[in-house]
């Protein structure tokens, strides 16, 4: 397989997987409140349990990805989500309530943790194995563009399907998950990575080993720890903010039209896509990842606060979309930074640790902001949540002070971005020379 074919496979997987997921993103809160007869606070509790289950399962599923293969982990993700999605539809049909939704949320959380980290780990190892010289920032950003395009199609389609029947987007999602399974089975192959035998008796010991490696290669490495913390701060608000805008925007709009939610979710996808596109352009002129990360983090915090303050549907929507655009810049650049400081054999493990920390922050954020909004207002939830996202700035500043290779954006053949003040001299070409020169310059 060539690096181009690997990248294309990654783009297809990102598109189909996100398309299947995004069908319900714009209407999930309304589905739980109307079909499931849950209160708004109970919806946030269900979402918090879903996020908490992701935190619990991150390490065990990371073990599967590192020991048995990233392809197997992806296929397990799709299979579990297929079952969980059908169970989600069955709960209100069978008269189930909050407890049943909580159980299904745990199953869905398990499904997503099989995906998190595994596909990106597969991509990076496969690209390295085929000798790709393209900055991983751009490949990840293009993958985000495909995912955002899928989100655009999925959320509009989900809103239209929900206007016919609130269960229809979930049934369509199950069909797309079946397609994703076939794509992964046929086109996804582990390259640049060798699995290892693992029996059930070895699982407890391996989990303890993964915990130690997570600390050794993730938490105890300053660059990795700071990148993990910088990603966890926006996660405190991101998930709650996405679910809360559905009832909040209808409240600001003064009408009860579910189809509007699909179009708003589609606009959110376009905003994220624009942010991903900006990464493609900005990495050609910006020499340091922390420059992009700091700008994106500050803009996201400011616009999130504005959503709760403006009191107008049009202004709140505009601020929210600008914030999602900045999130579209932040995510792939932060992931690219993290990939630079993680060894290949521990890549999925450390990425799972990063997801675990983010999931923990998201769970607390959803529960805390949900309780705050229930007692006061959704608007105040956005103000407080937006302020909390600014906690990403201190670790980003610390990452900038550390400098070094992970902060430098390297282009084709090891050249730095055009306008980087840290560009290497013309005579530096070999990998060894680059490493020496990067250390000296940094």
Foldseek 3Di string as FASTA:
>chain_A
DALVLLLVLLLVLLQLLLLLVLLCLLCVQVCCCPLQVDDLLLSLVLVLLLLLLLLVQLLVLLCCCLAVHLLVLLLQLLVLLLVLLVQVLVQSVVPHHSVSSSVSSSSNSNSVSSNFLSSVLQSVLQNVQNPDQAQQLLSVLSSLLSSLVSSLVSLLNSLVLVVVPNSVSSVVSSVSSVVSSVSSVPRRDRHNGDHHDDDPVCSVVVSVVLVVVLCVQAVVPLLRVLLLQLLQQLLLQVVLVSSLCSVVLCVQVVHDRSSVSSNLSSLLSVLLSLLSVVSVVVQQAEFFLLVLQLVLLVLLLVLLLVLLVPSHSVSNSVSNSPNSSSVSNNPSSSVSLNVVRGDSSSSSSNSSVSSSSNSVSNSCSSNVLSVVCVVPHNSVSSNVSSVSSNSSNVSSVVSVVVQFDSGGGARGQRFGRPNYPLTDDPVQHDPVSSNVSRVVSD
